[in-house]
Amino acid sequence: MALIFALLVFGSAALSFMISWQIRYIQPEFGQVLRYNLMMLPLILAANVALATAFIRGNAVLKNLPLLAAAQSFIYYMFIVAFSVFLVGEKVPLGRAVAGFGLIAAGVWILKK
């Protein structure tokens, strides 16, 4: 189960980092975005392989794919918020962030039952 969690964390962190880095440092021009994504292709592949492996192994253990997808979304959005604050420099209202994560956590809890 620890391996499944580690794969979910790695895949989610890698994808959210790449998006945050792109927003911070890549100009919204087709050529630059294309070049960045081509350069990031090995990391995108590694993140997706990690997530796919986590979903396959996790579903074999838990027999609950919606729970895994909700948990992965929760992890992904936690990294998006963290990278948005520390890398991009966005101001995220604490109350809204807590409310949003609370709703996601409630959804994960409901799917677990």
N, C-alpha and C. Protein backbone atom coordinates (compact mmCIF):
# COMPACT_ATOMS: atom_id res chain seq x y z
N MET A 1 0.82 -1.19 0.00
CA MET A 1 0.00 0.00 0.00
C MET A 1 0.87 1.26 0.00
N ALA A 2 2.04 1.19 0.64
CA ALA A 2 2.94 2.34 0.66
C ALA A 2 3.45 2.66 -0.74
N LEU A 3 3.71 1.62 -1.53
CA LEU A 3 4.16 1.83 -2.91
C LEU A 3 3.08 2.52 -3.73
N ILE A 4 1.84 2.11 -3.54
CA ILE A 4 0.73 2.73 -4.26
C ILE A 4 0.63 4.20 -3.91
N PHE A 5 0.72 4.52 -2.63
CA PHE A 5 0.66 5.92 -2.19
C PHE A 5 1.84 6.71 -2.75
N ALA A 6 3.03 6.12 -2.73
CA ALA A 6 4.22 6.81 -3.25
C ALA A 6 4.08 7.08 -4.75
N LEU A 7 3.53 6.13 -5.49
CA LEU A 7 3.33 6.34 -6.93
C LEU A 7 2.28 7.42 -7.19
N LEU A 8 1.22 7.45 -6.40
CA LEU A 8 0.21 8.51 -6.54
C LEU A 8 0.81 9.88 -6.23
N VAL A 9 1.63 9.94 -5.20
CA VAL A 9 2.26 11.21 -4.83
C VAL A 9 3.24 11.65 -5.91
N PHE A 10 4.09 10.74 -6.39
CA PHE A 10 5.06 11.11 -7.42
C PHE A 10 4.36 11.60 -8.69
N GLY A 11 3.40 10.84 -9.17
CA GLY A 11 2.71 11.21 -10.41
C GLY A 11 1.99 12.53 -10.28
N SER A 12 1.29 12.73 -9.18
CA SER A 12 0.56 13.97 -8.96
C SER A 12 1.50 15.16 -8.79
N ALA A 13 2.57 14.97 -8.04
CA ALA A 13 3.53 16.05 -7.82
C ALA A 13 4.21 16.44 -9.12
N ALA A 14 4.61 15.46 -9.91
CA ALA A 14 5.31 15.75 -11.17
C ALA A 14 4.41 16.52 -12.12
N LEU A 15 3.18 16.08 -12.29
CA LEU A 15 2.27 16.77 -13.21
C LEU A 15 1.93 18.18 -12.73
N SER A 16 1.67 18.34 -11.44
CA SER A 16 1.34 19.67 -10.94
C SER A 16 2.55 20.61 -10.98
N PHE A 17 3.74 20.06 -10.76
CA PHE A 17 4.95 20.89 -10.87
C PHE A 17 5.16 21.38 -12.29
N MET A 18 4.97 20.47 -13.26
CA MET A 18 5.17 20.86 -14.66
C MET A 18 4.18 21.95 -15.08
N ILE A 19 2.94 21.85 -14.63
CA ILE A 19 1.95 22.88 -14.96
C ILE A 19 2.30 24.20 -14.30
N SER A 20 2.68 24.16 -13.04
CA SER A 20 3.04 25.40 -12.33
C SER A 20 4.27 26.04 -12.93
N TRP A 21 5.27 25.25 -13.29
CA TRP A 21 6.48 25.78 -13.90
C TRP A 21 6.17 26.43 -15.24
N GLN A 22 5.30 25.79 -15.99
CA GLN A 22 4.91 26.33 -17.30
C GLN A 22 4.20 27.67 -17.13
N ILE A 23 3.31 27.76 -16.16
CA ILE A 23 2.59 29.01 -15.93
C ILE A 23 3.55 30.12 -15.51
N ARG A 24 4.55 29.77 -14.71
CA ARG A 24 5.48 30.77 -14.19
C ARG A 24 6.51 31.22 -15.23
N TYR A 25 7.05 30.29 -16.01
CA TYR A 25 8.22 30.61 -16.82
C TYR A 25 8.05 30.52 -18.33
N ILE A 26 6.99 29.95 -18.83
CA ILE A 26 6.83 29.77 -20.27
C ILE A 26 5.80 30.76 -20.79
N GLN A 27 6.18 31.49 -21.82
CA GLN A 27 5.27 32.45 -22.44
C GLN A 27 4.14 31.72 -23.16
N PRO A 28 2.95 32.28 -23.17
CA PRO A 28 1.81 31.61 -23.81
C PRO A 28 1.83 31.75 -25.33
N GLU A 29 2.91 31.30 -25.92
CA GLU A 29 3.04 31.28 -27.38
C GLU A 29 3.18 29.83 -27.81
N PHE A 30 2.56 29.49 -28.92
CA PHE A 30 2.50 28.11 -29.36
C PHE A 30 3.87 27.45 -29.41
N GLY A 31 4.85 28.11 -29.98
CA GLY A 31 6.18 27.52 -30.13
C GLY A 31 6.84 27.22 -28.79
N GLN A 32 6.76 28.15 -27.86
CA GLN A 32 7.38 27.95 -26.55
C GLN A 32 6.66 26.87 -25.75
N VAL A 33 5.34 26.84 -25.83
CA VAL A 33 4.58 25.82 -25.11
C VAL A 33 4.87 24.44 -25.70
N LEU A 34 4.93 24.36 -27.02
CA LEU A 34 5.24 23.09 -27.68
C LEU A 34 6.63 22.61 -27.30
N ARG A 35 7.61 23.49 -27.34
CA ARG A 35 8.98 23.12 -26.99
C ARG A 35 9.07 22.66 -25.54
N TYR A 36 8.40 23.36 -24.64
CA TYR A 36 8.42 22.98 -23.22
C TYR A 36 7.81 21.59 -23.03
N ASN A 37 6.66 21.36 -23.65
CA ASN A 37 6.00 20.06 -23.49
C ASN A 37 6.80 18.93 -24.12
N LEU A 38 7.46 19.19 -25.22
CA LEU A 38 8.33 18.16 -25.81
C LEU A 38 9.52 17.87 -24.90
N MET A 39 10.05 18.92 -24.28
CA MET A 39 11.17 18.74 -23.37
C MET A 39 10.74 17.97 -22.11
N MET A 40 9.51 18.18 -21.67
CA MET A 40 9.00 17.54 -20.47
C MET A 40 8.40 16.15 -20.74
N LEU A 41 8.40 15.72 -21.99
CA LEU A 41 7.76 14.46 -22.35
C LEU A 41 8.24 13.27 -21.52
N PRO A 42 9.56 13.11 -21.25
CA PRO A 42 9.97 11.98 -20.39
C PRO A 42 9.37 12.03 -18.98
N LEU A 43 9.28 13.23 -18.40
CA LEU A 43 8.69 13.36 -17.06
C LEU A 43 7.18 13.13 -17.10
N ILE A 44 6.52 13.60 -18.17
CA ILE A 44 5.09 13.35 -18.33
C ILE A 44 4.84 11.86 -18.42
N LEU A 45 5.67 11.18 -19.20
CA LEU A 45 5.53 9.72 -19.35
C LEU A 45 5.76 9.02 -18.01
N ALA A 46 6.79 9.40 -17.29
CA ALA A 46 7.09 8.78 -15.99
C ALA A 46 5.94 9.00 -15.01
N ALA A 47 5.39 10.21 -14.99
CA ALA A 47 4.27 10.51 -14.08
C ALA A 47 3.05 9.68 -14.44
N ASN A 48 2.75 9.57 -15.72
CA ASN A 48 1.58 8.79 -16.13
C ASN A 48 1.78 7.30 -15.92
N VAL A 49 2.99 6.80 -16.09
CA VAL A 49 3.26 5.38 -15.79
C VAL A 49 3.10 5.14 -14.29
N ALA A 50 3.59 6.06 -13.47
CA ALA A 50 3.44 5.92 -12.02
C ALA A 50 1.97 5.92 -11.62
N LEU A 51 1.19 6.84 -12.18
CA LEU A 51 -0.23 6.89 -11.85
C LEU A 51 -0.97 5.65 -12.34
N ALA A 52 -0.67 5.21 -13.55
CA ALA A 52 -1.33 4.01 -14.07
C ALA A 52 -1.01 2.79 -13.21
N THR A 53 0.25 2.67 -12.83
CA THR A 53 0.65 1.54 -11.98
C THR A 53 -0.06 1.62 -10.63
N ALA A 54 -0.14 2.81 -10.07
CA ALA A 54 -0.83 2.98 -8.79
C ALA A 54 -2.31 2.63 -8.91
N PHE A 55 -2.95 3.06 -9.99
CA PHE A 55 -4.37 2.74 -10.18
C PHE A 55 -4.59 1.25 -10.36
N ILE A 56 -3.75 0.60 -11.13
CA ILE A 56 -3.91 -0.85 -11.36
C ILE A 56 -3.69 -1.63 -10.08
N ARG A 57 -2.57 -1.34 -9.39
CA ARG A 57 -2.28 -2.06 -8.14
C ARG A 57 -3.26 -1.70 -7.04
N GLY A 58 -3.62 -0.43 -6.96
CA GLY A 58 -4.57 0.00 -5.94
C GLY A 58 -5.95 -0.60 -6.14
N ASN A 59 -6.37 -0.70 -7.38
CA ASN A 59 -7.67 -1.30 -7.65
C ASN A 59 -7.67 -2.79 -7.32
N ALA A 60 -6.54 -3.44 -7.52
CA ALA A 60 -6.44 -4.86 -7.16
C ALA A 60 -6.54 -5.05 -5.65
N VAL A 61 -6.03 -4.09 -4.89
CA VAL A 61 -6.06 -4.20 -3.43
C VAL A 61 -7.39 -3.71 -2.86
N LEU A 62 -7.83 -2.52 -3.28
CA LEU A 62 -9.01 -1.89 -2.67
C LEU A 62 -10.32 -2.25 -3.36
N LYS A 63 -10.25 -2.62 -4.62
CA LYS A 63 -11.46 -2.90 -5.42
C LYS A 63 -12.41 -1.70 -5.45
N ASN A 64 -11.83 -0.49 -5.51
CA ASN A 64 -12.63 0.73 -5.50
C ASN A 64 -11.91 1.80 -6.32
N LEU A 65 -12.10 1.78 -7.63
CA LEU A 65 -11.42 2.73 -8.51
C LEU A 65 -11.85 4.17 -8.26
N PRO A 66 -13.14 4.45 -8.03
CA PRO A 66 -13.50 5.85 -7.73
C PRO A 66 -12.79 6.40 -6.49
N LEU A 67 -12.57 5.57 -5.49
CA LEU A 67 -11.84 6.01 -4.31
C LEU A 67 -10.41 6.38 -4.67
N LEU A 68 -9.76 5.56 -5.48
CA LEU A 68 -8.39 5.86 -5.91
C LEU A 68 -8.32 7.15 -6.72
N ALA A 69 -9.27 7.33 -7.62
CA ALA A 69 -9.29 8.54 -8.44
C ALA A 69 -9.52 9.77 -7.58
N ALA A 70 -10.41 9.67 -6.60
CA ALA A 70 -10.66 10.80 -5.70
C ALA A 70 -9.44 11.10 -4.84
N ALA A 71 -8.78 10.06 -4.35
CA ALA A 71 -7.58 10.26 -3.54
C ALA A 71 -6.47 10.89 -4.37
N GLN A 72 -6.31 10.45 -5.61
CA GLN A 72 -5.30 11.03 -6.49
C GLN A 72 -5.62 12.48 -6.78
N SER A 73 -6.87 12.81 -7.00
CA SER A 73 -7.27 14.20 -7.24
C SER A 73 -6.97 15.07 -6.02
N PHE A 74 -7.23 14.55 -4.84
CA PHE A 74 -6.94 15.28 -3.61
C PHE A 74 -5.45 15.59 -3.50
N ILE A 75 -4.62 14.58 -3.75
CA ILE A 75 -3.17 14.76 -3.70
C ILE A 75 -2.72 15.77 -4.75
N TYR A 76 -3.25 15.64 -5.97
CA TYR A 76 -2.89 16.53 -7.08
C TYR A 76 -3.23 17.99 -6.73
N TYR A 77 -4.43 18.22 -6.21
CA TYR A 77 -4.84 19.58 -5.90
C TYR A 77 -4.07 20.15 -4.72
N MET A 78 -3.64 19.32 -3.79
CA MET A 78 -2.78 19.81 -2.71
C MET A 78 -1.46 20.33 -3.29
N PHE A 79 -0.89 19.58 -4.24
CA PHE A 79 0.35 20.03 -4.87
C PHE A 79 0.12 21.27 -5.73
N ILE A 80 -1.01 21.35 -6.41
CA ILE A 80 -1.32 22.54 -7.21
C ILE A 80 -1.36 23.78 -6.32
N VAL A 81 -2.01 23.67 -5.19
CA VAL A 81 -2.09 24.82 -4.27
C VAL A 81 -0.69 25.16 -3.75
N ALA A 82 0.07 24.16 -3.34
CA ALA A 82 1.41 24.42 -2.81
C ALA A 82 2.31 25.07 -3.86
N PHE A 83 2.33 24.52 -5.07
CA PHE A 83 3.17 25.10 -6.12
C PHE A 83 2.66 26.46 -6.57
N SER A 84 1.35 26.67 -6.52
CA SER A 84 0.81 27.98 -6.87
C SER A 84 1.28 29.05 -5.89
N VAL A 85 1.32 28.70 -4.63
CA VAL A 85 1.75 29.65 -3.61
C VAL A 85 3.26 29.87 -3.66
N PHE A 86 4.05 28.78 -3.67
CA PHE A 86 5.49 28.90 -3.52
C PHE A 86 6.24 29.12 -4.84
N LEU A 87 5.72 28.65 -5.94
CA LEU A 87 6.43 28.79 -7.22
C LEU A 87 5.86 29.93 -8.05
N VAL A 88 4.56 29.99 -8.18
CA VAL A 88 3.92 31.00 -9.02
C VAL A 88 3.74 32.31 -8.26
N GLY A 89 3.58 32.24 -6.94
CA GLY A 89 3.41 33.44 -6.14
C GLY A 89 1.96 33.88 -6.01
N GLU A 90 1.03 32.98 -6.22
CA GLU A 90 -0.39 33.30 -6.09
C GLU A 90 -0.76 33.42 -4.61
N LYS A 91 -1.77 34.19 -4.37
CA LYS A 91 -2.34 34.30 -3.02
C LYS A 91 -3.60 33.44 -3.01
N VAL A 92 -3.61 32.42 -2.17
CA VAL A 92 -4.76 31.53 -2.07
C VAL A 92 -5.44 31.80 -0.73
N PRO A 93 -6.71 32.22 -0.77
CA PRO A 93 -7.42 32.45 0.50
C PRO A 93 -7.52 31.16 1.31
N LEU A 94 -7.08 31.23 2.55
CA LEU A 94 -7.03 30.04 3.40
C LEU A 94 -8.40 29.42 3.60
N GLY A 95 -9.41 30.23 3.82
CA GLY A 95 -10.76 29.72 4.05
C GLY A 95 -11.28 28.94 2.85
N ARG A 96 -11.08 29.48 1.67
CA ARG A 96 -11.54 28.78 0.46
C ARG A 96 -10.76 27.50 0.22
N ALA A 97 -9.47 27.54 0.47
CA ALA A 97 -8.65 26.33 0.29
C ALA A 97 -9.09 25.24 1.26
N VAL A 98 -9.31 25.60 2.51
CA VAL A 98 -9.75 24.62 3.50
C VAL A 98 -11.13 24.08 3.13
N ALA A 99 -12.03 24.96 2.69
CA ALA A 99 -13.37 24.51 2.29
C ALA A 99 -13.29 23.57 1.10
N GLY A 100 -12.47 23.91 0.12
CA GLY A 100 -12.33 23.05 -1.06
C GLY A 100 -11.75 21.69 -0.71
N PHE A 101 -10.67 21.67 0.07
CA PHE A 101 -10.08 20.40 0.46
C PHE A 101 -11.01 19.61 1.37
N GLY A 102 -11.79 20.31 2.18
CA GLY A 102 -12.77 19.63 3.02
C GLY A 102 -13.83 18.93 2.18
N LEU A 103 -14.29 19.59 1.13
CA LEU A 103 -15.27 18.96 0.25
C LEU A 103 -14.69 17.75 -0.49
N ILE A 104 -13.44 17.88 -0.94
CA ILE A 104 -12.79 16.74 -1.60
C ILE A 104 -12.61 15.60 -0.62
N ALA A 105 -12.17 15.91 0.59
CA ALA A 105 -11.99 14.87 1.62
C ALA A 105 -13.32 14.19 1.95
N ALA A 106 -14.40 14.97 2.00
CA ALA A 106 -15.72 14.39 2.25
C ALA A 106 -16.10 13.44 1.12
N GLY A 107 -15.80 13.83 -0.11
CA GLY A 107 -16.08 12.96 -1.24
C GLY A 107 -15.28 11.66 -1.19
N VAL A 108 -14.02 11.77 -0.81
CA VAL A 108 -13.19 10.56 -0.65
C VAL A 108 -13.75 9.68 0.44
N TRP A 109 -14.17 10.27 1.55
CA TRP A 109 -14.74 9.51 2.67
C TRP A 109 -16.04 8.81 2.25
N ILE A 110 -16.88 9.52 1.49
CA ILE A 110 -18.13 8.92 1.02
C ILE A 110 -17.85 7.76 0.07
N LEU A 111 -16.87 7.91 -0.81
CA LEU A 111 -16.53 6.84 -1.75
C LEU A 111 -15.92 5.64 -1.05
N LYS A 112 -15.29 5.88 0.10
CA LYS A 112 -14.66 4.78 0.84
C LYS A 112 -15.70 3.84 1.43
N LYS A 113 -16.87 4.34 1.72
CA LYS A 113 -17.92 3.54 2.35
C LYS A 113 -18.59 2.61 1.38
